[in-house]
Amino acid sequence: MVYLLGFLIVLAFSFSAIWAIINIYNLLVRLVQNVKNGWAQIDVQLKRRHDLIPNLVETAKGYMGHERQTLEAVVKARQQAVDASGLKDKQQAENILTDTLKSLFAVVESYPNLKADKLFTELQEELSSTENRISIARESYNNQIAKLNTTIQMFPANIVAGKFGFASSEYLAIEGADRQTPSVKFQ
């Protein structure tokens, strides 16, 4: 009778351990899927951004004929961002695109007629709205990465993660020039 009771206890413990492993595995799968979904949301907004840029450049061309170099830089950066593959390459290409857009909008300040053009201002507002959406999607993505990475590092999930090949993911980080605080000067 004692052996039977011991066997039942071991059996119950085994089922509990198996159930815990299944739950942890399923949690890790859900977190990985949330990270993939987060990246997909960013990708949708980046596509939207890429689609707006040619219209913005075409509208600006009529006013900024002698600023060809700036316009070509934006078009080139957009194409590099569209063609980029892999998280690191995409992130780097998008940062370059952001910088070239900043330089385009800085040049636009010299063209009051362009700033007053209704189509250009609508496209600029749409692009600004898209930039905000990208920012929100990146924040959400990084939150999902934090949940995944934290779970992978915690006991006993770290054991299950190691056995089934779950790995930590990298955050989307701000690159060099974007880290600098803009200076404000009053004249």
Protein backbone atom coordinates (compact mmCIF):
# COMPACT_ATOMS: atom_id res chain seq x y z
CA MET A 1 0.00 0.00 0.00
CA VAL A 2 2.85 2.37 0.80
CA TYR A 3 4.39 1.61 -2.58
CA LEU A 4 1.13 2.36 -4.32
CA LEU A 5 0.81 5.67 -2.47
CA GLY A 6 4.43 6.55 -3.36
CA PHE A 7 3.82 5.64 -6.99
CA LEU A 8 0.70 7.83 -7.10
CA ILE A 9 2.60 10.76 -5.59
CA VAL A 10 5.41 10.39 -8.15
CA LEU A 11 2.84 10.08 -10.93
CA ALA A 12 0.99 13.21 -9.74
CA PHE A 13 4.28 15.11 -9.51
CA SER A 14 5.24 13.97 -13.02
CA PHE A 15 1.92 15.12 -14.46
CA SER A 16 2.29 18.45 -12.67
CA ALA A 17 5.81 18.90 -14.02
CA ILE A 18 4.72 18.00 -17.54
CA TRP A 19 1.78 20.38 -17.28
CA ALA A 20 4.07 23.17 -16.06
CA ILE A 21 6.46 22.57 -18.97
CA ILE A 22 3.57 22.65 -21.45
CA ASN A 23 2.28 25.91 -19.96
CA ILE A 24 5.71 27.53 -20.04
CA TYR A 25 6.29 26.37 -23.63
CA ASN A 26 2.92 27.77 -24.70
CA LEU A 27 3.68 31.06 -22.94
CA LEU A 28 6.99 31.33 -24.80
CA VAL A 29 5.28 30.57 -28.13
CA ARG A 30 2.67 33.27 -27.42
CA LEU A 31 5.37 35.80 -26.55
CA VAL A 32 7.34 35.02 -29.72
CA GLN A 33 4.17 35.45 -31.77
CA ASN A 34 3.49 38.79 -30.06
CA VAL A 35 6.99 39.94 -31.02
CA LYS A 36 6.41 38.84 -34.63
CA ASN A 37 3.08 40.66 -34.65
CA GLY A 38 4.76 43.77 -33.24
CA TRP A 39 7.31 43.73 -36.06
CA ALA A 40 4.51 43.21 -38.61
CA GLN A 41 2.76 46.33 -37.26
CA ILE A 42 5.96 48.34 -37.66
CA ASP A 43 6.40 46.96 -41.17
CA VAL A 44 2.88 48.06 -42.14
CA GLN A 45 3.61 51.62 -41.00
CA LEU A 46 6.99 51.62 -42.75
CA LYS A 47 5.26 50.55 -45.98
CA ARG A 48 2.81 53.40 -45.54
CA ARG A 49 5.73 55.77 -45.04
CA HIS A 50 7.50 54.44 -48.14
CA ASP A 51 4.33 54.91 -50.21
CA LEU A 52 3.93 58.55 -49.14
CA ILE A 53 7.48 59.65 -49.89
CA PRO A 54 7.35 59.52 -53.73
CA ASN A 55 4.23 61.72 -53.74
CA LEU A 56 5.91 64.16 -51.37
CA VAL A 57 9.04 64.31 -53.53
CA GLU A 58 7.04 64.75 -56.75
CA THR A 59 5.09 67.62 -55.22
CA ALA A 60 8.30 69.26 -54.00
CA LYS A 61 10.07 68.87 -57.38
CA GLY A 62 7.96 71.58 -58.98
CA TYR A 63 9.06 74.13 -56.42
CA MET A 64 12.56 72.92 -55.62
CA GLY A 65 14.13 72.38 -59.03
CA HIS A 66 17.63 73.40 -57.95
CA GLU A 67 17.48 71.28 -54.76
CA ARG A 68 17.77 68.14 -56.86
CA GLN A 69 20.49 66.64 -54.65
CA THR A 70 18.24 66.73 -51.57
CA LEU A 71 15.33 65.16 -53.46
CA GLU A 72 17.56 62.45 -54.94
CA ALA A 73 18.95 61.65 -51.48
CA VAL A 74 15.41 61.12 -50.17
CA VAL A 75 14.49 58.88 -53.11
CA LYS A 76 17.71 56.87 -52.71
CA ALA A 77 17.23 56.49 -48.94
CA ARG A 78 13.63 55.40 -49.47
CA GLN A 79 14.71 52.72 -51.96
CA GLN A 80 17.40 51.46 -49.59
CA ALA A 81 14.79 51.22 -46.83
CA VAL A 82 12.40 49.32 -49.10
CA ASP A 83 15.16 46.92 -50.20
CA ALA A 84 16.61 46.33 -46.72
CA SER A 85 16.22 42.88 -45.24
CA GLY A 86 16.84 41.77 -41.73
CA LEU A 87 16.12 43.74 -38.59
CA LYS A 88 19.52 45.45 -38.31
CA ASP A 89 19.65 46.47 -41.99
CA LYS A 90 16.05 47.71 -41.95
CA GLN A 91 16.65 49.71 -38.78
CA GLN A 92 19.78 51.31 -40.22
CA ALA A 93 18.10 52.10 -43.56
CA GLU A 94 15.06 53.61 -41.81
CA ASN A 95 17.32 55.80 -39.69
CA ILE A 96 19.05 57.08 -42.85
CA LEU A 97 15.65 57.73 -44.42
CA THR A 98 14.56 59.68 -41.35
CA ASP A 99 17.68 61.82 -41.57
CA THR A 100 17.15 62.59 -45.25
CA LEU A 101 13.52 63.51 -44.60
CA LYS A 102 14.67 65.88 -41.88
CA SER A 103 17.03 67.55 -44.36
CA LEU A 104 14.21 67.76 -46.94
CA PHE A 105 11.92 69.49 -44.45
CA ALA A 106 14.73 71.84 -43.43
CA VAL A 107 15.16 72.84 -47.10
CA VAL A 108 11.39 73.25 -47.50
CA GLU A 109 11.53 76.11 -45.00
CA SER A 110 13.23 78.17 -47.73
CA TYR A 111 10.27 77.75 -50.08
CA PRO A 112 7.18 79.60 -48.82
CA ASN A 113 5.15 78.65 -51.91
CA LEU A 114 5.85 74.96 -51.30
CA LYS A 115 4.97 75.30 -47.62
CA ALA A 116 1.67 76.86 -48.71
CA ASP A 117 0.90 74.13 -51.29
CA LYS A 118 -2.15 72.25 -50.05
CA LEU A 119 -1.11 68.85 -51.42
CA PHE A 120 2.38 69.17 -49.97
CA THR A 121 1.09 70.15 -46.51
CA GLU A 122 -1.42 67.28 -46.57
CA LEU A 123 1.32 64.82 -47.50
CA GLN A 124 3.60 66.29 -44.86
CA GLU A 125 0.86 65.94 -42.21
CA GLU A 126 0.15 62.37 -43.34
CA LEU A 127 3.85 61.55 -43.11
CA SER A 128 4.02 63.11 -39.66
CA SER A 129 1.03 61.03 -38.58
CA THR A 130 2.71 57.93 -39.96
CA GLU A 131 5.92 58.75 -38.08
CA ASN A 132 3.87 58.89 -34.87
CA ARG A 133 2.31 55.51 -35.68
CA ILE A 134 5.76 54.06 -36.32
CA SER A 135 6.93 55.41 -32.97
CA ILE A 136 3.97 53.83 -31.16
CA ALA A 137 4.47 50.52 -32.99
CA ARG A 138 8.18 50.53 -32.07
CA GLU A 139 7.33 51.15 -28.43
CA SER A 140 4.84 48.28 -28.46
CA TYR A 141 7.40 46.04 -30.17
CA ASN A 142 10.04 46.82 -27.54
CA ASN A 143 7.49 46.09 -24.79
CA GLN A 144 6.86 42.67 -26.34
CA ILE A 145 10.61 42.07 -26.56
CA ALA A 146 10.93 42.96 -22.87
CA LYS A 147 8.24 40.45 -21.91
CA LEU A 148 9.83 37.71 -24.02
CA ASN A 149 13.37 38.37 -22.80
CA THR A 150 12.28 38.58 -19.16
CA THR A 151 10.37 35.31 -19.38
CA ILE A 152 13.28 33.55 -21.10
CA GLN A 153 15.62 34.63 -18.30
CA MET A 154 13.34 33.65 -15.40
CA PHE A 155 13.40 30.28 -13.66
CA PRO A 156 12.00 27.73 -14.59
CA ALA A 157 11.14 29.19 -18.01
CA ASN A 158 14.86 29.57 -18.76
CA ILE A 159 15.22 25.79 -18.63
CA VAL A 160 12.30 25.22 -21.01
CA ALA A 161 13.51 28.05 -23.28
CA GLY A 162 16.97 26.54 -23.44
CA LYS A 163 15.70 23.03 -24.19
CA PHE A 164 13.38 24.20 -26.97
CA GLY A 165 15.68 26.82 -28.52
CA PHE A 166 13.89 30.03 -27.56
CA ALA A 167 16.31 32.96 -27.70
CA SER A 168 16.26 36.55 -26.52
CA SER A 169 15.52 39.22 -29.10
CA GLU A 170 17.10 42.62 -29.63
CA TYR A 171 15.33 45.89 -28.95
CA LEU A 172 14.84 48.55 -31.58
CA ALA A 173 17.22 51.25 -30.41
CA ILE A 174 17.74 54.89 -31.28
CA GLU A 175 20.78 55.45 -33.46
CA GLY A 176 23.53 58.07 -33.02
CA ALA A 177 22.18 61.37 -34.37
CA ASP A 178 18.68 60.75 -33.01
CA ARG A 179 20.10 60.46 -29.47
CA GLN A 180 21.36 64.05 -29.48
CA THR A 181 19.14 66.59 -27.82
CA PRO A 182 18.25 69.40 -30.21
CA SER A 183 19.59 72.77 -29.16
CA VAL A 184 17.24 75.71 -28.79
CA LYS A 185 18.65 79.19 -29.34
CA PHE A 186 16.78 82.42 -28.87
CA GLN A 187 17.99 85.40 -30.84
